[in-house]
Amino acid sequence: MKKTLLLAVAILFAFAGYSNSKYTINDNQVEKVLTESVQINFELDANQMESILETTSIQGEPNAWVAFALSWVLGGIGVHRVYLGGKGSLILIYFITCGGIFGIVPFIDWIVLLVGAIKGDISQFVDNDKFFMWAN
């Protein structure tokens, strides 16, 4: 098996340079593009940077329906938990436990978030770093 793989890689490397001869670079065109280009300056002072960071940050509580949708689509890797303010290490824990104990934990999260979204209150799950977010 190793010999077959080594042979396949050798054949790929042998033919890799074969098709490069049909491509050429026109130095005059490259020089023309570089001389006609416009330089853009992206220097920002501290006040401008702070205002940009303030406008792009998440304001307020996470949306219950967004958390529910993330739980539905990406529940097996725990993205909904990070959206709710949990640590990023929760994704690693979901991964290590094969999708949250083979999908049981994300399924319960999904049910709990559905009930919370219907009631309009998921505050107990926001900034919760416990693996079982519904447990006290």
N, C-alpha and C. Protein backbone atom coordinates (compact mmCIF):
# COMPACT_ATOMS: atom_id res chain seq x y z
N MET A 1 0.81 -1.18 0.00
CA MET A 1 0.00 0.00 0.00
C MET A 1 0.86 1.26 0.00
N LYS A 2 1.95 1.24 0.81
CA LYS A 2 2.83 2.39 0.86
C LYS A 2 3.53 2.61 -0.48
N LYS A 3 3.89 1.51 -1.13
CA LYS A 3 4.56 1.64 -2.43
C LYS A 3 3.61 2.23 -3.47
N THR A 4 2.35 1.83 -3.43
CA THR A 4 1.37 2.36 -4.38
C THR A 4 1.16 3.85 -4.16
N LEU A 5 1.05 4.26 -2.91
CA LEU A 5 0.89 5.67 -2.59
C LEU A 5 2.12 6.47 -3.01
N LEU A 6 3.30 5.93 -2.77
CA LEU A 6 4.54 6.60 -3.15
C LEU A 6 4.63 6.72 -4.67
N LEU A 7 4.22 5.71 -5.39
CA LEU A 7 4.22 5.75 -6.85
C LEU A 7 3.23 6.80 -7.37
N ALA A 8 2.06 6.88 -6.76
CA ALA A 8 1.06 7.87 -7.18
C ALA A 8 1.58 9.29 -6.94
N VAL A 9 2.23 9.53 -5.80
CA VAL A 9 2.78 10.85 -5.52
C VAL A 9 3.90 11.19 -6.50
N ALA A 10 4.74 10.22 -6.82
CA ALA A 10 5.82 10.44 -7.78
C ALA A 10 5.27 10.79 -9.16
N ILE A 11 4.22 10.12 -9.58
CA ILE A 11 3.61 10.41 -10.89
C ILE A 11 3.01 11.81 -10.90
N LEU A 12 2.35 12.19 -9.80
CA LEU A 12 1.78 13.54 -9.72
C LEU A 12 2.86 14.60 -9.80
N PHE A 13 3.98 14.40 -9.10
CA PHE A 13 5.07 15.37 -9.16
C PHE A 13 5.72 15.40 -10.54
N ALA A 14 5.75 14.28 -11.21
CA ALA A 14 6.35 14.23 -12.54
C ALA A 14 5.54 15.04 -13.54
N PHE A 15 4.21 14.98 -13.43
CA PHE A 15 3.35 15.70 -14.37
C PHE A 15 2.98 17.10 -13.89
N ALA A 16 3.38 17.47 -12.69
CA ALA A 16 3.01 18.79 -12.16
C ALA A 16 3.62 19.92 -12.98
N GLY A 17 4.84 19.78 -13.40
CA GLY A 17 5.49 20.83 -14.18
C GLY A 17 5.19 20.75 -15.67
N TYR A 18 4.52 19.70 -16.12
CA TYR A 18 4.26 19.49 -17.54
C TYR A 18 3.34 20.56 -18.12
N SER A 19 2.29 20.93 -17.40
CA SER A 19 1.30 21.84 -17.96
C SER A 19 1.63 23.30 -17.72
N ASN A 20 2.71 23.61 -17.02
CA ASN A 20 3.05 24.99 -16.73
C ASN A 20 3.55 25.75 -17.95
N SER A 21 3.94 25.07 -19.00
CA SER A 21 4.50 25.74 -20.16
C SER A 21 3.46 26.53 -20.95
N LYS A 22 2.18 26.29 -20.77
CA LYS A 22 1.17 27.01 -21.53
C LYS A 22 0.82 28.36 -20.90
N TYR A 23 1.33 28.65 -19.71
CA TYR A 23 1.06 29.92 -19.06
C TYR A 23 2.29 30.81 -19.18
N THR A 24 2.06 32.06 -19.59
CA THR A 24 3.15 33.02 -19.69
C THR A 24 2.76 34.30 -18.96
N ILE A 25 3.78 35.05 -18.57
CA ILE A 25 3.56 36.32 -17.90
C ILE A 25 4.03 37.43 -18.82
N ASN A 26 3.15 38.37 -19.06
CA ASN A 26 3.48 39.52 -19.88
C ASN A 26 3.99 40.61 -18.94
N ASP A 27 5.31 40.83 -18.95
CA ASP A 27 5.91 41.80 -18.03
C ASP A 27 5.41 43.22 -18.28
N ASN A 28 5.12 43.56 -19.53
CA ASN A 28 4.63 44.90 -19.84
C ASN A 28 3.26 45.14 -19.21
N GLN A 29 2.39 44.14 -19.26
CA GLN A 29 1.06 44.28 -18.65
C GLN A 29 1.16 44.39 -17.13
N VAL A 30 2.04 43.62 -16.54
CA VAL A 30 2.23 43.67 -15.09
C VAL A 30 2.73 45.05 -14.68
N GLU A 31 3.70 45.56 -15.42
CA GLU A 31 4.24 46.89 -15.13
C GLU A 31 3.18 47.97 -15.30
N LYS A 32 2.34 47.84 -16.32
CA LYS A 32 1.26 48.81 -16.57
C LYS A 32 0.26 48.81 -15.41
N VAL A 33 -0.12 47.65 -14.93
CA VAL A 33 -1.06 47.56 -13.81
C VAL A 33 -0.46 48.18 -12.56
N LEU A 34 0.82 47.92 -12.31
CA LEU A 34 1.45 48.46 -11.11
C LEU A 34 1.62 49.97 -11.18
N THR A 35 1.91 50.52 -12.36
CA THR A 35 2.09 51.97 -12.46
C THR A 35 0.76 52.71 -12.42
N GLU A 36 -0.32 52.10 -12.89
CA GLU A 36 -1.62 52.76 -12.90
C GLU A 36 -2.43 52.52 -11.63
N SER A 37 -1.89 51.75 -10.71
CA SER A 37 -2.64 51.44 -9.49
C SER A 37 -2.67 52.64 -8.56
N VAL A 38 -3.65 52.62 -7.65
CA VAL A 38 -3.84 53.68 -6.68
C VAL A 38 -3.49 53.13 -5.30
N GLN A 39 -2.69 53.89 -4.57
CA GLN A 39 -2.32 53.46 -3.23
C GLN A 39 -3.38 53.94 -2.24
N ILE A 40 -3.82 53.03 -1.37
CA ILE A 40 -4.83 53.34 -0.38
C ILE A 40 -4.17 53.27 0.99
N ASN A 41 -4.41 54.29 1.81
CA ASN A 41 -3.83 54.36 3.14
C ASN A 41 -4.88 53.95 4.17
N PHE A 42 -4.59 52.93 4.98
CA PHE A 42 -5.52 52.42 5.97
C PHE A 42 -5.11 52.74 7.39
N GLU A 43 -4.43 53.83 7.60
CA GLU A 43 -4.00 54.17 8.94
C GLU A 43 -5.15 54.75 9.74
N LEU A 44 -5.38 54.21 10.93
CA LEU A 44 -6.44 54.69 11.81
C LEU A 44 -5.84 55.11 13.14
N ASP A 45 -6.38 56.17 13.72
CA ASP A 45 -5.92 56.53 15.05
C ASP A 45 -6.71 55.74 16.10
N ALA A 46 -6.36 55.90 17.36
CA ALA A 46 -6.96 55.10 18.44
C ALA A 46 -8.46 55.36 18.57
N ASN A 47 -8.91 56.59 18.39
CA ASN A 47 -10.33 56.91 18.52
C ASN A 47 -11.15 56.25 17.41
N GLN A 48 -10.63 56.28 16.19
CA GLN A 48 -11.34 55.65 15.08
C GLN A 48 -11.43 54.14 15.29
N MET A 49 -10.34 53.52 15.74
CA MET A 49 -10.34 52.08 15.99
C MET A 49 -11.32 51.71 17.09
N GLU A 50 -11.37 52.51 18.15
CA GLU A 50 -12.29 52.24 19.25
C GLU A 50 -13.74 52.35 18.79
N SER A 51 -14.05 53.34 17.96
CA SER A 51 -15.42 53.48 17.48
C SER A 51 -15.81 52.32 16.56
N ILE A 52 -14.88 51.82 15.78
CA ILE A 52 -15.16 50.66 14.92
C ILE A 52 -15.43 49.43 15.78
N LEU A 53 -14.62 49.22 16.81
CA LEU A 53 -14.82 48.07 17.68
C LEU A 53 -16.13 48.15 18.44
N GLU A 54 -16.53 49.35 18.84
CA GLU A 54 -17.80 49.51 19.56
C GLU A 54 -18.99 49.22 18.66
N THR A 55 -18.92 49.60 17.41
CA THR A 55 -20.06 49.40 16.51
C THR A 55 -20.17 47.96 16.03
N THR A 56 -19.08 47.20 16.08
CA THR A 56 -19.14 45.83 15.58
C THR A 56 -19.33 44.80 16.67
N SER A 57 -19.36 45.20 17.92
CA SER A 57 -19.54 44.23 19.00
C SER A 57 -21.02 43.89 19.17
N ILE A 58 -21.28 42.74 19.77
CA ILE A 58 -22.65 42.30 20.00
C ILE A 58 -23.22 43.09 21.17
N GLN A 59 -24.38 43.67 20.97
CA GLN A 59 -25.02 44.47 22.00
C GLN A 59 -26.21 43.69 22.56
N GLY A 60 -26.33 43.64 23.88
CA GLY A 60 -27.50 43.04 24.51
C GLY A 60 -27.43 41.53 24.61
N GLU A 61 -28.58 40.97 24.92
CA GLU A 61 -28.73 39.52 25.10
C GLU A 61 -28.75 38.81 23.75
N PRO A 62 -28.27 37.57 23.71
CA PRO A 62 -28.38 36.79 22.48
C PRO A 62 -29.85 36.48 22.17
N ASN A 63 -30.16 36.35 20.92
CA ASN A 63 -31.52 36.06 20.48
C ASN A 63 -31.82 34.58 20.73
N ALA A 64 -32.95 34.29 21.35
CA ALA A 64 -33.33 32.92 21.69
C ALA A 64 -33.54 32.07 20.44
N TRP A 65 -34.14 32.67 19.40
CA TRP A 65 -34.42 31.91 18.18
C TRP A 65 -33.15 31.63 17.39
N VAL A 66 -32.17 32.53 17.45
CA VAL A 66 -30.89 32.27 16.80
C VAL A 66 -30.17 31.13 17.51
N ALA A 67 -30.19 31.15 18.84
CA ALA A 67 -29.57 30.06 19.61
C ALA A 67 -30.25 28.73 19.30
N PHE A 68 -31.59 28.75 19.19
CA PHE A 68 -32.33 27.53 18.85
C PHE A 68 -31.94 27.03 17.46
N ALA A 69 -31.83 27.95 16.48
CA ALA A 69 -31.46 27.54 15.12
C ALA A 69 -30.04 27.00 15.07
N LEU A 70 -29.12 27.63 15.80
CA LEU A 70 -27.75 27.11 15.85
C LEU A 70 -27.71 25.74 16.51
N SER A 71 -28.54 25.54 17.51
CA SER A 71 -28.61 24.23 18.16
C SER A 71 -29.14 23.18 17.20
N TRP A 72 -30.07 23.56 16.36
CA TRP A 72 -30.65 22.63 15.38
C TRP A 72 -29.63 22.25 14.31
N VAL A 73 -28.91 23.26 13.80
CA VAL A 73 -28.01 23.03 12.67
C VAL A 73 -26.63 22.54 13.12
N LEU A 74 -26.05 23.20 14.13
CA LEU A 74 -24.68 22.90 14.53
C LEU A 74 -24.59 22.44 15.99
N GLY A 75 -25.65 21.84 16.49
CA GLY A 75 -25.69 21.43 17.89
C GLY A 75 -24.66 20.39 18.26
N GLY A 76 -24.31 19.53 17.33
CA GLY A 76 -23.36 18.46 17.61
C GLY A 76 -21.96 18.95 17.90
N ILE A 77 -21.64 20.19 17.51
CA ILE A 77 -20.32 20.72 17.82
C ILE A 77 -20.38 21.85 18.83
N GLY A 78 -21.57 22.19 19.33
CA GLY A 78 -21.70 23.13 20.43
C GLY A 78 -21.60 24.60 20.08
N VAL A 79 -21.82 24.96 18.83
CA VAL A 79 -21.72 26.36 18.42
C VAL A 79 -22.76 27.22 19.15
N HIS A 80 -23.93 26.66 19.40
CA HIS A 80 -24.98 27.41 20.09
C HIS A 80 -24.55 27.82 21.50
N ARG A 81 -23.73 27.00 22.13
CA ARG A 81 -23.25 27.31 23.47
C ARG A 81 -22.29 28.49 23.45
N VAL A 82 -21.43 28.57 22.44
CA VAL A 82 -20.51 29.70 22.33
C VAL A 82 -21.29 30.96 21.98
N TYR A 83 -22.32 30.84 21.15
CA TYR A 83 -23.17 31.98 20.82
C TYR A 83 -23.83 32.54 22.08
N LEU A 84 -24.19 31.67 22.99
CA LEU A 84 -24.83 32.10 24.23
C LEU A 84 -23.84 32.66 25.25
N GLY A 85 -22.57 32.66 24.92
CA GLY A 85 -21.57 33.27 25.79
C GLY A 85 -20.70 32.28 26.53
N GLY A 86 -20.81 31.02 26.23
CA GLY A 86 -19.95 30.03 26.87
C GLY A 86 -18.55 30.08 26.30
N LYS A 87 -17.64 29.43 26.97
CA LYS A 87 -16.24 29.41 26.53
C LYS A 87 -16.12 28.60 25.24
N GLY A 88 -15.11 28.93 24.45
CA GLY A 88 -14.85 28.20 23.22
C GLY A 88 -14.43 26.76 23.46
N SER A 89 -13.96 26.48 24.68
CA SER A 89 -13.56 25.11 25.00
C SER A 89 -14.75 24.15 25.01
N LEU A 90 -15.97 24.68 25.08
CA LEU A 90 -17.15 23.82 25.03
C LEU A 90 -17.23 23.07 23.69
N ILE A 91 -16.77 23.72 22.63
CA ILE A 91 -16.74 23.05 21.32
C ILE A 91 -15.82 21.85 21.39
N LEU A 92 -14.67 22.01 22.03
CA LEU A 92 -13.73 20.90 22.20
C LEU A 92 -14.36 19.77 23.02
N ILE A 93 -15.08 20.13 24.07
CA ILE A 93 -15.72 19.11 24.91
C ILE A 93 -16.79 18.37 24.11
N TYR A 94 -17.58 19.10 23.32
CA TYR A 94 -18.58 18.44 22.48
C TYR A 94 -17.90 17.51 21.48
N PHE A 95 -16.76 17.93 20.94
CA PHE A 95 -16.03 17.11 19.98
C PHE A 95 -15.49 15.84 20.65
N ILE A 96 -14.89 16.00 21.83
CA ILE A 96 -14.32 14.85 22.54
C ILE A 96 -15.39 13.84 22.93
N THR A 97 -16.58 14.32 23.27
CA THR A 97 -17.66 13.42 23.69
C THR A 97 -18.51 12.96 22.50
N CYS A 98 -17.92 13.00 21.30
CA CYS A 98 -18.59 12.53 20.07
C CYS A 98 -19.92 13.24 19.85
N GLY A 99 -19.86 14.55 19.83
CA GLY A 99 -21.07 15.33 19.57
C GLY A 99 -21.95 15.46 20.78
N GLY A 100 -21.36 15.56 21.95
CA GLY A 100 -22.16 15.71 23.17
C GLY A 100 -22.85 14.43 23.55
N ILE A 101 -22.04 13.41 23.86
CA ILE A 101 -22.52 12.07 24.23
C ILE A 101 -23.43 11.53 23.12
N PHE A 102 -22.86 11.49 21.94
CA PHE A 102 -23.51 10.94 20.74
C PHE A 102 -24.81 11.65 20.39
N GLY A 103 -24.85 12.97 20.63
CA GLY A 103 -26.00 13.77 20.24
C GLY A 103 -27.09 13.91 21.27
N ILE A 104 -26.94 13.29 22.41
CA ILE A 104 -27.98 13.37 23.45
C ILE A 104 -28.00 14.76 24.07
N VAL A 105 -26.82 15.28 24.42
CA VAL A 105 -26.75 16.61 25.04
C VAL A 105 -27.25 17.70 24.09
N PRO A 106 -26.82 17.72 22.81
CA PRO A 106 -27.37 18.75 21.91
C PRO A 106 -28.87 18.63 21.70
N PHE A 107 -29.39 17.42 21.73
CA PHE A 107 -30.83 17.25 21.57
C PHE A 107 -31.59 17.84 22.76
N ILE A 108 -31.07 17.60 23.97
CA ILE A 108 -31.71 18.19 25.16
C ILE A 108 -31.54 19.71 25.14
N ASP A 109 -30.34 20.19 24.72
CA ASP A 109 -30.15 21.64 24.56
C ASP A 109 -31.18 22.21 23.60
N TRP A 110 -31.43 21.51 22.51
CA TRP A 110 -32.39 21.96 21.49
C TRP A 110 -33.79 22.09 22.10
N ILE A 111 -34.19 21.08 22.87
CA ILE A 111 -35.52 21.13 23.51
C ILE A 111 -35.60 22.27 24.51
N VAL A 112 -34.57 22.41 25.33
CA VAL A 112 -34.55 23.46 26.35
C VAL A 112 -34.57 24.84 25.69
N LEU A 113 -33.81 25.02 24.62
CA LEU A 113 -33.80 26.31 23.92
C LEU A 113 -35.12 26.58 23.21
N LEU A 114 -35.77 25.54 22.71
CA LEU A 114 -37.09 25.72 22.10
C LEU A 114 -38.10 26.21 23.13
N VAL A 115 -38.11 25.58 24.29
CA VAL A 115 -39.02 26.01 25.35
C VAL A 115 -38.67 27.42 25.81
N GLY A 116 -37.38 27.72 25.96
CA GLY A 116 -36.95 29.05 26.35
C GLY A 116 -37.29 30.10 25.31
N ALA A 117 -37.17 29.74 24.02
CA ALA A 117 -37.51 30.68 22.96
C ALA A 117 -39.01 30.95 22.92
N ILE A 118 -39.81 29.93 23.17
CA ILE A 118 -41.26 30.13 23.20
C ILE A 118 -41.65 31.01 24.39
N LYS A 119 -41.02 30.77 25.54
CA LYS A 119 -41.30 31.60 26.72
C LYS A 119 -40.67 32.99 26.60
N GLY A 120 -39.64 33.10 25.78
CA GLY A 120 -38.96 34.38 25.60
C GLY A 120 -37.90 34.67 26.65
N ASP A 121 -37.45 33.64 27.37
CA ASP A 121 -36.44 33.85 28.41
C ASP A 121 -35.42 32.72 28.38
N ILE A 122 -34.21 33.05 27.93
CA ILE A 122 -33.11 32.08 27.97
C ILE A 122 -31.96 32.62 28.81
N SER A 123 -32.26 33.56 29.70
CA SER A 123 -31.22 34.22 30.48
C SER A 123 -30.42 33.25 31.35
N GLN A 124 -31.03 32.16 31.78
CA GLN A 124 -30.30 31.20 32.62
C GLN A 124 -29.25 30.43 31.83
N PHE A 125 -29.32 30.44 30.50
CA PHE A 125 -28.36 29.72 29.67
C PHE A 125 -27.26 30.63 29.13
N VAL A 126 -27.41 31.95 29.28
CA VAL A 126 -26.43 32.90 28.79
C VAL A 126 -25.23 32.92 29.73
N ASP A 127 -24.03 32.91 29.16
CA ASP A 127 -22.76 32.88 29.91
C ASP A 127 -22.66 31.68 30.83
N ASN A 128 -23.19 30.55 30.40
CA ASN A 128 -23.16 29.31 31.17
C ASN A 128 -22.08 28.41 30.60
N ASP A 129 -21.06 28.11 31.40
CA ASP A 129 -19.94 27.30 30.93
C ASP A 129 -20.05 25.82 31.32
N LYS A 130 -21.14 25.42 31.94
CA LYS A 130 -21.32 24.02 32.32
C LYS A 130 -21.61 23.18 31.08
N PHE A 131 -21.15 21.94 31.10
CA PHE A 131 -21.40 21.03 29.97
C PHE A 131 -22.88 20.77 29.81
N PHE A 132 -23.58 20.54 30.91
CA PHE A 132 -25.02 20.38 30.90
C PHE A 132 -25.62 21.74 31.26
N MET A 133 -25.98 22.53 30.27
CA MET A 133 -26.39 23.91 30.52
C MET A 133 -27.71 24.00 31.27
N TRP A 134 -28.52 22.98 31.22
CA TRP A 134 -29.82 23.01 31.87
C TRP A 134 -29.75 22.59 33.34
N ALA A 135 -28.64 22.00 33.76
CA ALA A 135 -28.49 21.54 35.15
C ALA A 135 -28.07 22.71 36.03
N ASN A 136 -28.59 22.74 37.23
CA ASN A 136 -28.24 23.82 38.16
C ASN A 136 -27.00 23.52 38.92
